[in-house]
Amino acid sequence: MGVVTPPKQDRSRVTRQRLLEAAVGCLAEHGWAGSTVSAVAERAGVSRGAAQHHFPTREDLFTAAVEYVAEERSQALRALPTQDRTAVVAALVDLYTGPLFRAALHLWVAASNEEQLRSRVTELEARVGRETHRIAVQLLNADESRPGVRETVQGLLDMARGLGLANLLTDDAARRDRVVAQWGALVEEALVEEALKDQGRKDRRPKDLG
């Protein structure tokens, strides 16, 4: 008596996931002003009461939604096979030109005017930013102990965000592909050059005469 059966747990998990995905889609398409709990519930095919059972407030729903999809995308990035750095640059740019970035941007803008959102979104953005940077370092096989490497990776992520912003107004895929190819070459050159400089510094160290 009173024990939740696995099927009910599964249904609850599925409902929650549908709400999160619907919230991101709604936010990306309609912005904060047009994204209500009722609109998300309708899009997810559940009742408003069911939505509020999982997420008592609007702020709970949308911050959880962006966090959920950010984690999904991070997992997809982590699962990428070993490949050349231009392919990694392209994958990172894709992260910032998809619906997740559009939804997150609407949430950031809303947070600048909504006090109850600001602290949540600030914390979320910092956490997602750190995780994305860590993944980029791993995918690029970059050694951040070398001078300039951390700045190179951060510059790449800043560029990707810039392309994401440009993509909000015009989807210029050909231009984006050219930028990705150029940045792939720049990142490759920068990381290889730093590795060679580091090796040169080691080679110039005085030999142990003992």
N, C-alpha and C. Protein backbone atom coordinates (compact mmCIF):
# COMPACT_ATOMS: atom_id res chain seq x y z
N MET A 1 0.85 -1.19 0.00
CA MET A 1 0.00 0.00 0.00
C MET A 1 0.89 1.24 0.00
N GLY A 2 0.59 2.15 -0.89
CA GLY A 2 1.31 3.42 -0.93
C GLY A 2 2.62 3.36 -1.68
N VAL A 3 3.05 2.15 -2.13
CA VAL A 3 4.30 2.03 -2.86
C VAL A 3 4.05 2.38 -4.33
N VAL A 4 4.88 3.26 -4.88
CA VAL A 4 4.73 3.65 -6.28
C VAL A 4 5.26 2.53 -7.16
N THR A 5 4.44 2.04 -8.06
CA THR A 5 4.85 0.95 -8.93
C THR A 5 5.74 1.48 -10.05
N PRO A 6 6.62 0.62 -10.58
CA PRO A 6 7.51 1.06 -11.66
C PRO A 6 6.79 1.69 -12.84
N PRO A 7 5.64 1.11 -13.31
CA PRO A 7 4.96 1.76 -14.44
C PRO A 7 4.57 3.20 -14.14
N LYS A 8 4.11 3.48 -12.91
CA LYS A 8 3.73 4.84 -12.56
C LYS A 8 4.95 5.75 -12.53
N GLN A 9 6.06 5.22 -12.01
CA GLN A 9 7.30 5.99 -12.01
C GLN A 9 7.73 6.31 -13.44
N ASP A 10 7.60 5.31 -14.31
CA ASP A 10 7.98 5.51 -15.71
C ASP A 10 7.10 6.57 -16.36
N ARG A 11 5.80 6.52 -16.10
CA ARG A 11 4.89 7.51 -16.69
C ARG A 11 5.23 8.91 -16.21
N SER A 12 5.57 9.01 -14.93
CA SER A 12 5.93 10.31 -14.37
C SER A 12 7.19 10.85 -15.02
N ARG A 13 8.15 9.97 -15.24
CA ARG A 13 9.41 10.38 -15.87
C ARG A 13 9.18 10.82 -17.31
N VAL A 14 8.34 10.08 -18.03
CA VAL A 14 8.03 10.43 -19.42
C VAL A 14 7.31 11.77 -19.49
N THR A 15 6.35 11.97 -18.58
CA THR A 15 5.61 13.24 -18.55
C THR A 15 6.56 14.40 -18.30
N ARG A 16 7.45 14.22 -17.35
CA ARG A 16 8.41 15.29 -17.02
C ARG A 16 9.29 15.62 -18.22
N GLN A 17 9.76 14.59 -18.92
CA GLN A 17 10.61 14.81 -20.08
C GLN A 17 9.85 15.53 -21.18
N ARG A 18 8.60 15.14 -21.41
CA ARG A 18 7.79 15.80 -22.44
C ARG A 18 7.59 17.27 -22.10
N LEU A 19 7.38 17.57 -20.84
CA LEU A 19 7.21 18.96 -20.42
C LEU A 19 8.49 19.76 -20.64
N LEU A 20 9.62 19.17 -20.31
CA LEU A 20 10.89 19.88 -20.47
C LEU A 20 11.17 20.17 -21.94
N GLU A 21 10.96 19.18 -22.80
CA GLU A 21 11.21 19.37 -24.22
C GLU A 21 10.22 20.37 -24.83
N ALA A 22 8.97 20.30 -24.38
CA ALA A 22 7.96 21.25 -24.86
C ALA A 22 8.30 22.67 -24.42
N ALA A 23 8.81 22.81 -23.21
CA ALA A 23 9.16 24.14 -22.69
C ALA A 23 10.29 24.76 -23.50
N VAL A 24 11.29 23.98 -23.85
CA VAL A 24 12.40 24.50 -24.65
C VAL A 24 11.90 24.91 -26.03
N GLY A 25 11.07 24.06 -26.65
CA GLY A 25 10.52 24.39 -27.96
C GLY A 25 9.68 25.65 -27.92
N CYS A 26 8.87 25.78 -26.90
CA CYS A 26 8.00 26.95 -26.75
C CYS A 26 8.83 28.22 -26.54
N LEU A 27 9.84 28.12 -25.71
CA LEU A 27 10.69 29.27 -25.42
C LEU A 27 11.46 29.70 -26.66
N ALA A 28 11.96 28.72 -27.42
CA ALA A 28 12.72 29.03 -28.63
C ALA A 28 11.84 29.69 -29.69
N GLU A 29 10.59 29.28 -29.79
CA GLU A 29 9.69 29.78 -30.83
C GLU A 29 8.96 31.06 -30.44
N HIS A 30 8.59 31.17 -29.17
CA HIS A 30 7.70 32.27 -28.76
C HIS A 30 8.31 33.23 -27.75
N GLY A 31 9.51 32.92 -27.24
CA GLY A 31 10.12 33.80 -26.26
C GLY A 31 9.46 33.67 -24.90
N TRP A 32 9.98 34.43 -23.93
CA TRP A 32 9.49 34.35 -22.57
C TRP A 32 8.04 34.81 -22.46
N ALA A 33 7.72 35.91 -23.11
CA ALA A 33 6.38 36.48 -22.98
C ALA A 33 5.31 35.52 -23.51
N GLY A 34 5.64 34.76 -24.54
CA GLY A 34 4.66 33.87 -25.13
C GLY A 34 4.71 32.45 -24.61
N SER A 35 5.51 32.22 -23.60
CA SER A 35 5.68 30.86 -23.06
C SER A 35 5.07 30.78 -21.66
N THR A 36 3.88 30.26 -21.60
CA THR A 36 3.20 30.08 -20.31
C THR A 36 3.16 28.60 -19.96
N VAL A 37 2.86 28.31 -18.73
CA VAL A 37 2.73 26.91 -18.30
C VAL A 37 1.62 26.23 -19.08
N SER A 38 0.53 26.94 -19.32
CA SER A 38 -0.60 26.37 -20.07
C SER A 38 -0.18 26.03 -21.50
N ALA A 39 0.59 26.93 -22.13
CA ALA A 39 1.04 26.69 -23.50
C ALA A 39 1.95 25.47 -23.57
N VAL A 40 2.82 25.35 -22.59
CA VAL A 40 3.74 24.20 -22.55
C VAL A 40 2.97 22.91 -22.30
N ALA A 41 2.01 22.94 -21.37
CA ALA A 41 1.21 21.75 -21.07
C ALA A 41 0.46 21.29 -22.31
N GLU A 42 -0.11 22.25 -23.04
CA GLU A 42 -0.84 21.89 -24.27
C GLU A 42 0.09 21.28 -25.29
N ARG A 43 1.25 21.86 -25.45
CA ARG A 43 2.22 21.35 -26.41
C ARG A 43 2.69 19.95 -26.03
N ALA A 44 2.82 19.70 -24.74
CA ALA A 44 3.27 18.39 -24.25
C ALA A 44 2.15 17.36 -24.21
N GLY A 45 0.91 17.82 -24.36
CA GLY A 45 -0.22 16.90 -24.33
C GLY A 45 -0.59 16.44 -22.93
N VAL A 46 -0.37 17.32 -21.94
CA VAL A 46 -0.74 16.99 -20.57
C VAL A 46 -1.58 18.13 -20.00
N SER A 47 -2.20 17.89 -18.86
CA SER A 47 -3.01 18.93 -18.23
C SER A 47 -2.13 19.96 -17.53
N ARG A 48 -2.68 21.14 -17.32
CA ARG A 48 -1.95 22.17 -16.58
C ARG A 48 -1.63 21.68 -15.16
N GLY A 49 -2.58 20.95 -14.56
CA GLY A 49 -2.36 20.42 -13.22
C GLY A 49 -1.18 19.47 -13.17
N ALA A 50 -1.05 18.63 -14.21
CA ALA A 50 0.08 17.70 -14.27
C ALA A 50 1.39 18.46 -14.39
N ALA A 51 1.36 19.53 -15.19
CA ALA A 51 2.57 20.35 -15.36
C ALA A 51 2.98 20.99 -14.03
N GLN A 52 2.00 21.51 -13.30
CA GLN A 52 2.30 22.17 -12.04
C GLN A 52 2.67 21.18 -10.93
N HIS A 53 2.26 19.93 -11.10
CA HIS A 53 2.68 18.90 -10.15
C HIS A 53 4.20 18.70 -10.25
N HIS A 54 4.71 18.70 -11.48
CA HIS A 54 6.15 18.52 -11.68
C HIS A 54 6.93 19.81 -11.45
N PHE A 55 6.34 20.93 -11.86
CA PHE A 55 7.03 22.23 -11.77
C PHE A 55 6.04 23.25 -11.21
N PRO A 56 6.11 23.51 -9.91
CA PRO A 56 5.12 24.39 -9.26
C PRO A 56 5.06 25.80 -9.83
N THR A 57 6.20 26.32 -10.33
CA THR A 57 6.19 27.69 -10.86
C THR A 57 6.71 27.71 -12.29
N ARG A 58 6.40 28.78 -12.96
CA ARG A 58 6.88 28.99 -14.33
C ARG A 58 8.41 29.01 -14.37
N GLU A 59 9.00 29.67 -13.39
CA GLU A 59 10.46 29.76 -13.34
C GLU A 59 11.09 28.38 -13.15
N ASP A 60 10.47 27.55 -12.31
CA ASP A 60 10.95 26.17 -12.12
C ASP A 60 10.98 25.43 -13.45
N LEU A 61 9.90 25.57 -14.21
CA LEU A 61 9.75 24.83 -15.46
C LEU A 61 10.82 25.23 -16.48
N PHE A 62 10.98 26.51 -16.71
CA PHE A 62 11.85 26.93 -17.80
C PHE A 62 13.34 26.84 -17.47
N THR A 63 13.72 27.09 -16.24
CA THR A 63 15.13 26.89 -15.89
C THR A 63 15.48 25.41 -15.93
N ALA A 64 14.57 24.55 -15.48
CA ALA A 64 14.81 23.10 -15.54
C ALA A 64 14.88 22.63 -16.98
N ALA A 65 14.07 23.23 -17.86
CA ALA A 65 14.04 22.82 -19.26
C ALA A 65 15.36 23.12 -19.95
N VAL A 66 15.87 24.33 -19.77
CA VAL A 66 17.13 24.69 -20.41
C VAL A 66 18.28 23.86 -19.84
N GLU A 67 18.26 23.61 -18.53
CA GLU A 67 19.29 22.78 -17.91
C GLU A 67 19.24 21.35 -18.45
N TYR A 68 18.03 20.82 -18.61
CA TYR A 68 17.86 19.46 -19.11
C TYR A 68 18.44 19.31 -20.52
N VAL A 69 18.07 20.22 -21.40
CA VAL A 69 18.54 20.10 -22.78
C VAL A 69 20.04 20.40 -22.88
N ALA A 70 20.53 21.29 -22.03
CA ALA A 70 21.97 21.55 -22.01
C ALA A 70 22.73 20.28 -21.63
N GLU A 71 22.22 19.54 -20.67
CA GLU A 71 22.86 18.29 -20.26
C GLU A 71 22.77 17.25 -21.36
N GLU A 72 21.63 17.19 -22.05
CA GLU A 72 21.49 16.26 -23.17
C GLU A 72 22.53 16.56 -24.24
N ARG A 73 22.69 17.85 -24.54
CA ARG A 73 23.64 18.24 -25.58
C ARG A 73 25.08 17.98 -25.12
N SER A 74 25.36 18.21 -23.85
CA SER A 74 26.69 17.94 -23.32
C SER A 74 27.03 16.45 -23.44
N GLN A 75 26.06 15.61 -23.15
CA GLN A 75 26.28 14.16 -23.28
C GLN A 75 26.58 13.78 -24.72
N ALA A 76 25.86 14.42 -25.65
CA ALA A 76 26.10 14.14 -27.07
C ALA A 76 27.51 14.58 -27.48
N LEU A 77 27.95 15.73 -26.97
CA LEU A 77 29.30 16.20 -27.28
C LEU A 77 30.35 15.26 -26.70
N ARG A 78 30.13 14.82 -25.45
CA ARG A 78 31.10 13.91 -24.81
C ARG A 78 31.23 12.60 -25.59
N ALA A 79 30.15 12.21 -26.25
CA ALA A 79 30.14 10.93 -26.96
C ALA A 79 30.75 11.01 -28.35
N LEU A 80 31.15 12.21 -28.79
CA LEU A 80 31.73 12.34 -30.12
C LEU A 80 33.01 11.52 -30.22
N PRO A 81 33.21 10.82 -31.34
CA PRO A 81 34.43 10.05 -31.51
C PRO A 81 35.63 10.98 -31.71
N THR A 82 36.82 10.43 -31.52
CA THR A 82 38.03 11.20 -31.77
C THR A 82 38.05 11.62 -33.24
N GLN A 83 38.26 12.90 -33.48
CA GLN A 83 38.22 13.41 -34.84
C GLN A 83 39.11 14.64 -34.93
N ASP A 84 39.22 15.20 -36.15
CA ASP A 84 40.09 16.36 -36.30
C ASP A 84 39.45 17.58 -35.65
N ARG A 85 40.27 18.58 -35.41
CA ARG A 85 39.82 19.73 -34.63
C ARG A 85 38.80 20.58 -35.38
N THR A 86 38.83 20.58 -36.70
CA THR A 86 37.81 21.33 -37.44
C THR A 86 36.43 20.72 -37.20
N ALA A 87 36.36 19.39 -37.12
CA ALA A 87 35.08 18.74 -36.83
C ALA A 87 34.61 19.09 -35.42
N VAL A 88 35.54 19.22 -34.49
CA VAL A 88 35.18 19.62 -33.12
C VAL A 88 34.65 21.05 -33.12
N VAL A 89 35.32 21.94 -33.85
CA VAL A 89 34.85 23.33 -33.95
C VAL A 89 33.43 23.36 -34.52
N ALA A 90 33.18 22.56 -35.56
CA ALA A 90 31.84 22.51 -36.16
C ALA A 90 30.80 22.02 -35.17
N ALA A 91 31.15 21.01 -34.37
CA ALA A 91 30.21 20.47 -33.38
C ALA A 91 29.89 21.51 -32.32
N LEU A 92 30.89 22.27 -31.90
CA LEU A 92 30.67 23.31 -30.89
C LEU A 92 29.82 24.45 -31.44
N VAL A 93 30.05 24.80 -32.70
CA VAL A 93 29.23 25.84 -33.33
C VAL A 93 27.78 25.37 -33.44
N ASP A 94 27.59 24.11 -33.77
CA ASP A 94 26.22 23.56 -33.83
C ASP A 94 25.50 23.72 -32.49
N LEU A 95 26.25 23.60 -31.40
CA LEU A 95 25.67 23.75 -30.07
C LEU A 95 25.03 25.12 -29.90
N TYR A 96 25.65 26.13 -30.50
CA TYR A 96 25.19 27.51 -30.31
C TYR A 96 24.29 28.02 -31.43
N THR A 97 24.02 27.19 -32.42
CA THR A 97 23.13 27.63 -33.51
C THR A 97 21.84 26.82 -33.56
N GLY A 98 21.59 26.03 -32.53
CA GLY A 98 20.37 25.23 -32.47
C GLY A 98 19.32 25.83 -31.56
N PRO A 99 18.22 25.13 -31.37
CA PRO A 99 17.11 25.63 -30.55
C PRO A 99 17.46 25.83 -29.08
N LEU A 100 18.43 25.06 -28.56
CA LEU A 100 18.81 25.24 -27.16
C LEU A 100 19.34 26.64 -26.92
N PHE A 101 20.25 27.09 -27.78
CA PHE A 101 20.83 28.42 -27.59
C PHE A 101 19.75 29.49 -27.72
N ARG A 102 18.86 29.32 -28.69
CA ARG A 102 17.78 30.29 -28.88
C ARG A 102 16.90 30.35 -27.62
N ALA A 103 16.57 29.18 -27.08
CA ALA A 103 15.75 29.14 -25.86
C ALA A 103 16.49 29.76 -24.69
N ALA A 104 17.77 29.42 -24.55
CA ALA A 104 18.56 29.96 -23.44
C ALA A 104 18.67 31.47 -23.55
N LEU A 105 18.81 31.98 -24.77
CA LEU A 105 18.93 33.42 -24.96
C LEU A 105 17.66 34.14 -24.50
N HIS A 106 16.51 33.59 -24.84
CA HIS A 106 15.25 34.18 -24.37
C HIS A 106 15.19 34.18 -22.84
N LEU A 107 15.70 33.10 -22.25
CA LEU A 107 15.70 33.01 -20.79
C LEU A 107 16.63 34.05 -20.18
N TRP A 108 17.79 34.27 -20.81
CA TRP A 108 18.74 35.28 -20.31
C TRP A 108 18.13 36.68 -20.37
N VAL A 109 17.48 36.97 -21.50
CA VAL A 109 16.86 38.30 -21.65
C VAL A 109 15.78 38.49 -20.59
N ALA A 110 14.96 37.46 -20.38
CA ALA A 110 13.91 37.55 -19.36
C ALA A 110 14.52 37.75 -17.98
N ALA A 111 15.64 37.07 -17.72
CA ALA A 111 16.27 37.16 -16.40
C ALA A 111 16.81 38.56 -16.12
N SER A 112 17.12 39.31 -17.18
CA SER A 112 17.62 40.67 -16.97
C SER A 112 16.53 41.58 -16.44
N ASN A 113 15.26 41.18 -16.63
CA ASN A 113 14.13 42.00 -16.17
C ASN A 113 13.32 41.35 -15.06
N GLU A 114 13.52 40.04 -14.85
CA GLU A 114 12.72 39.30 -13.87
C GLU A 114 13.61 38.92 -12.68
N GLU A 115 13.39 39.57 -11.56
CA GLU A 115 14.24 39.35 -10.39
C GLU A 115 14.24 37.89 -9.94
N GLN A 116 13.05 37.24 -10.01
CA GLN A 116 12.94 35.86 -9.52
C GLN A 116 13.69 34.87 -10.41
N LEU A 117 14.01 35.29 -11.63
CA LEU A 117 14.75 34.42 -12.54
C LEU A 117 16.25 34.64 -12.48
N ARG A 118 16.66 35.85 -12.12
CA ARG A 118 18.04 36.27 -12.34
C ARG A 118 19.06 35.36 -11.67
N SER A 119 18.89 35.08 -10.39
CA SER A 119 19.89 34.28 -9.68
C SER A 119 19.95 32.86 -10.23
N ARG A 120 18.79 32.31 -10.58
CA ARG A 120 18.76 30.94 -11.13
C ARG A 120 19.50 30.87 -12.46
N VAL A 121 19.19 31.82 -13.33
CA VAL A 121 19.77 31.80 -14.67
C VAL A 121 21.27 32.10 -14.62
N THR A 122 21.67 33.01 -13.74
CA THR A 122 23.10 33.33 -13.60
C THR A 122 23.88 32.10 -13.17
N GLU A 123 23.35 31.38 -12.19
CA GLU A 123 24.00 30.16 -11.72
C GLU A 123 24.02 29.09 -12.80
N LEU A 124 22.89 28.93 -13.50
CA LEU A 124 22.79 27.93 -14.56
C LEU A 124 23.77 28.23 -15.69
N GLU A 125 23.83 29.47 -16.12
CA GLU A 125 24.73 29.84 -17.21
C GLU A 125 26.19 29.61 -16.83
N ALA A 126 26.55 29.92 -15.59
CA ALA A 126 27.93 29.70 -15.15
C ALA A 126 28.27 28.21 -15.16
N ARG A 127 27.34 27.39 -14.70
CA ARG A 127 27.57 25.95 -14.64
C ARG A 127 27.67 25.35 -16.05
N VAL A 128 26.75 25.73 -16.93
CA VAL A 128 26.77 25.22 -18.30
C VAL A 128 28.02 25.70 -19.03
N GLY A 129 28.41 26.95 -18.79
CA GLY A 129 29.61 27.49 -19.43
C GLY A 129 30.86 26.73 -19.03
N ARG A 130 30.99 26.44 -17.73
CA ARG A 130 32.16 25.69 -17.26
C ARG A 130 32.20 24.29 -17.86
N GLU A 131 31.03 23.64 -17.92
CA GLU A 131 30.97 22.28 -18.45
C GLU A 131 31.30 22.27 -19.94
N THR A 132 30.78 23.23 -20.69
CA THR A 132 31.07 23.30 -22.12
C THR A 132 32.56 23.54 -22.36
N HIS A 133 33.16 24.39 -21.54
CA HIS A 133 34.60 24.65 -21.67
C HIS A 133 35.39 23.36 -21.41
N ARG A 134 35.02 22.62 -20.36
CA ARG A 134 35.72 21.37 -20.06
C ARG A 134 35.61 20.38 -21.22
N ILE A 135 34.41 20.28 -21.78
CA ILE A 135 34.22 19.35 -22.89
C ILE A 135 35.04 19.77 -24.10
N ALA A 136 35.07 21.08 -24.37
CA ALA A 136 35.84 21.58 -25.51
C ALA A 136 37.32 21.25 -25.34
N VAL A 137 37.84 21.42 -24.14
CA VAL A 137 39.25 21.10 -23.86
C VAL A 137 39.52 19.63 -24.13
N GLN A 138 38.62 18.77 -23.68
CA GLN A 138 38.80 17.32 -23.89
C GLN A 138 38.74 16.97 -25.37
N LEU A 139 37.74 17.51 -26.09
CA LEU A 139 37.57 17.17 -27.50
C LEU A 139 38.74 17.66 -28.35
N LEU A 140 39.27 18.83 -27.98
CA LEU A 140 40.39 19.40 -28.74
C LEU A 140 41.73 18.83 -28.32
N ASN A 141 41.72 18.01 -27.25
CA ASN A 141 42.96 17.48 -26.70
C ASN A 141 43.93 18.62 -26.39
N ALA A 142 43.39 19.64 -25.74
CA ALA A 142 44.17 20.85 -25.45
C ALA A 142 44.77 20.77 -24.05
N ASP A 143 46.00 21.21 -23.93
CA ASP A 143 46.69 21.24 -22.64
C ASP A 143 46.68 22.67 -22.11
N GLU A 144 45.79 22.94 -21.16
CA GLU A 144 45.63 24.31 -20.68
C GLU A 144 46.75 24.74 -19.73
N SER A 145 47.68 23.85 -19.43
CA SER A 145 48.83 24.27 -18.64
C SER A 145 49.81 25.07 -19.50
N ARG A 146 49.64 25.02 -20.80
CA ARG A 146 50.51 25.77 -21.71
C ARG A 146 49.97 27.18 -21.89
N PRO A 147 50.85 28.17 -21.97
CA PRO A 147 50.41 29.57 -22.10
C PRO A 147 49.55 29.78 -23.34
N GLY A 148 48.44 30.48 -23.17
CA GLY A 148 47.60 30.85 -24.30
C GLY A 148 46.56 29.83 -24.71
N VAL A 149 46.68 28.60 -24.24
CA VAL A 149 45.75 27.56 -24.69
C VAL A 149 44.35 27.79 -24.13
N ARG A 150 44.26 28.14 -22.86
CA ARG A 150 42.94 28.40 -22.28
C ARG A 150 42.24 29.53 -23.03
N GLU A 151 42.98 30.58 -23.35
CA GLU A 151 42.41 31.71 -24.08
C GLU A 151 41.97 31.31 -25.49
N THR A 152 42.72 30.40 -26.11
CA THR A 152 42.34 29.92 -27.44
C THR A 152 41.01 29.19 -27.39
N VAL A 153 40.85 28.31 -26.40
CA VAL A 153 39.60 27.57 -26.26
C VAL A 153 38.44 28.52 -25.96
N GLN A 154 38.67 29.47 -25.04
CA GLN A 154 37.61 30.41 -24.70
C GLN A 154 37.25 31.30 -25.89
N GLY A 155 38.26 31.69 -26.67
CA GLY A 155 37.99 32.48 -27.87
C GLY A 155 37.13 31.71 -28.86
N LEU A 156 37.39 30.41 -28.99
CA LEU A 156 36.58 29.57 -29.86
C LEU A 156 35.12 29.55 -29.41
N LEU A 157 34.90 29.39 -28.11
CA LEU A 157 33.53 29.35 -27.59
C LEU A 157 32.85 30.71 -27.75
N ASP A 158 33.60 31.79 -27.56
CA ASP A 158 33.03 33.13 -27.77
C ASP A 158 32.63 33.32 -29.23
N MET A 159 33.47 32.83 -30.15
CA MET A 159 33.14 32.91 -31.57
C MET A 159 31.87 32.12 -31.87
N ALA A 160 31.76 30.93 -31.29
CA ALA A 160 30.58 30.09 -31.53
C ALA A 160 29.31 30.79 -31.04
N ARG A 161 29.39 31.45 -29.89
CA ARG A 161 28.24 32.20 -29.39
C ARG A 161 27.88 33.34 -30.34
N GLY A 162 28.90 33.99 -30.87
CA GLY A 162 28.66 35.08 -31.82
C GLY A 162 27.93 34.59 -33.06
N LEU A 163 28.33 33.43 -33.57
CA LEU A 163 27.62 32.85 -34.72
C LEU A 163 26.20 32.49 -34.35
N GLY A 164 26.01 32.05 -33.11
CA GLY A 164 24.66 31.74 -32.65
C GLY A 164 23.77 32.96 -32.63
N LEU A 165 24.32 34.09 -32.20
CA LEU A 165 23.56 35.34 -32.20
C LEU A 165 23.23 35.77 -33.63
N ALA A 166 24.21 35.68 -34.53
CA ALA A 166 23.98 36.05 -35.92
C ALA A 166 22.91 35.16 -36.56
N ASN A 167 22.89 33.90 -36.13
CA ASN A 167 21.95 32.94 -36.70
C ASN A 167 20.50 33.23 -36.31
N LEU A 168 20.31 34.04 -35.26
CA LEU A 168 18.95 34.40 -34.85
C LEU A 168 18.23 35.20 -35.92
N LEU A 169 19.00 35.97 -36.70
CA LEU A 169 18.41 36.83 -37.71
C LEU A 169 18.50 36.24 -39.10
N THR A 170 19.66 35.69 -39.45
CA THR A 170 19.84 35.11 -40.78
C THR A 170 20.61 33.80 -40.67
N ASP A 171 20.14 32.79 -41.35
CA ASP A 171 20.81 31.48 -41.33
C ASP A 171 21.70 31.39 -42.57
N ASP A 172 22.91 31.93 -42.46
CA ASP A 172 23.85 31.93 -43.57
C ASP A 172 24.80 30.74 -43.39
N ALA A 173 24.34 29.58 -43.83
CA ALA A 173 25.10 28.35 -43.60
C ALA A 173 26.45 28.37 -44.33
N ALA A 174 26.47 28.93 -45.55
CA ALA A 174 27.71 28.95 -46.32
C ALA A 174 28.77 29.79 -45.60
N ARG A 175 28.37 30.95 -45.11
CA ARG A 175 29.31 31.81 -44.38
C ARG A 175 29.77 31.12 -43.11
N ARG A 176 28.85 30.47 -42.41
CA ARG A 176 29.19 29.78 -41.17
C ARG A 176 30.20 28.67 -41.44
N ASP A 177 30.02 27.94 -42.52
CA ASP A 177 30.95 26.86 -42.86
C ASP A 177 32.35 27.40 -43.12
N ARG A 178 32.43 28.56 -43.78
CA ARG A 178 33.75 29.16 -44.05
C ARG A 178 34.42 29.59 -42.75
N VAL A 179 33.63 30.18 -41.85
CA VAL A 179 34.18 30.61 -40.56
C VAL A 179 34.66 29.40 -39.76
N VAL A 180 33.87 28.34 -39.76
CA VAL A 180 34.24 27.12 -39.03
C VAL A 180 35.55 26.54 -39.58
N ALA A 181 35.67 26.50 -40.91
CA ALA A 181 36.90 25.96 -41.51
C ALA A 181 38.11 26.80 -41.12
N GLN A 182 37.95 28.13 -41.15
CA GLN A 182 39.06 29.01 -40.79
C GLN A 182 39.44 28.86 -39.32
N TRP A 183 38.43 28.81 -38.46
CA TRP A 183 38.70 28.66 -37.03
C TRP A 183 39.30 27.29 -36.72
N GLY A 184 38.87 26.28 -37.45
CA GLY A 184 39.46 24.96 -37.26
C GLY A 184 40.96 24.99 -37.53
N ALA A 185 41.34 25.69 -38.62
CA ALA A 185 42.75 25.81 -38.97
C ALA A 185 43.51 26.63 -37.93
N LEU A 186 42.89 27.73 -37.46
CA LEU A 186 43.53 28.59 -36.47
C LEU A 186 43.76 27.84 -35.15
N VAL A 187 42.74 27.10 -34.71
CA VAL A 187 42.86 26.35 -33.46
C VAL A 187 43.93 25.27 -33.59
N GLU A 188 43.93 24.57 -34.70
CA GLU A 188 44.94 23.53 -34.93
C GLU A 188 46.34 24.14 -34.88
N GLU A 189 46.52 25.25 -35.58
CA GLU A 189 47.83 25.92 -35.62
C GLU A 189 48.25 26.40 -34.23
N ALA A 190 47.30 27.01 -33.51
CA ALA A 190 47.62 27.55 -32.18
C ALA A 190 48.01 26.45 -31.21
N LEU A 191 47.26 25.35 -31.20
CA LEU A 191 47.53 24.28 -30.25
C LEU A 191 48.82 23.54 -30.59
N VAL A 192 49.06 23.32 -31.88
CA VAL A 192 50.29 22.64 -32.28
C VAL A 192 51.49 23.53 -31.99
N GLU A 193 51.36 24.84 -32.28
CA GLU A 193 52.46 25.77 -32.04
C GLU A 193 52.83 25.82 -30.56
N GLU A 194 51.82 25.85 -29.69
CA GLU A 194 52.11 25.88 -28.26
C GLU A 194 52.79 24.60 -27.80
N ALA A 195 52.37 23.47 -28.37
CA ALA A 195 53.00 22.20 -28.01
C ALA A 195 54.47 22.19 -28.43
N LEU A 196 54.75 22.73 -29.63
CA LEU A 196 56.13 22.77 -30.12
C LEU A 196 56.99 23.72 -29.27
N LYS A 197 56.40 24.88 -28.91
CA LYS A 197 57.12 25.82 -28.05
C LYS A 197 57.45 25.18 -26.71
N ASP A 198 56.48 24.46 -26.17
CA ASP A 198 56.67 23.82 -24.87
C ASP A 198 57.78 22.78 -24.96
N GLN A 199 57.79 22.02 -26.05
CA GLN A 199 58.84 21.02 -26.23
C GLN A 199 60.20 21.69 -26.37
N GLY A 200 60.22 22.83 -27.09
CA GLY A 200 61.47 23.57 -27.25
C GLY A 200 62.02 24.08 -25.93
N ARG A 201 61.12 24.56 -25.06
CA ARG A 201 61.55 25.03 -23.75
C ARG A 201 62.15 23.89 -22.93
N LYS A 202 61.53 22.72 -23.04
CA LYS A 202 62.05 21.56 -22.31
C LYS A 202 63.43 21.16 -22.83
N ASP A 203 63.58 21.21 -24.17
CA ASP A 203 64.85 20.80 -24.78
C ASP A 203 65.99 21.74 -24.41
N ARG A 204 65.65 23.02 -24.13
CA ARG A 204 66.69 24.01 -23.82
C ARG A 204 67.09 24.01 -22.34
N ARG A 205 66.39 23.24 -21.51
CA ARG A 205 66.74 23.20 -20.09
C ARG A 205 68.11 22.57 -19.90
N PRO A 206 68.91 23.11 -18.96
CA PRO A 206 70.25 22.52 -18.71
C PRO A 206 70.13 21.05 -18.33
N LYS A 207 71.02 20.27 -18.86
CA LYS A 207 71.03 18.84 -18.54
C LYS A 207 71.55 18.65 -17.11
N ASP A 208 71.05 17.63 -16.48
CA ASP A 208 71.51 17.30 -15.12
C ASP A 208 72.91 16.71 -15.22
N LEU A 209 73.89 17.45 -14.72
CA LEU A 209 75.28 17.00 -14.83
C LEU A 209 75.68 16.04 -13.72
N GLY A 210 74.76 15.86 -12.76
CA GLY A 210 75.11 14.99 -11.63
C GLY A 210 75.26 13.58 -12.09
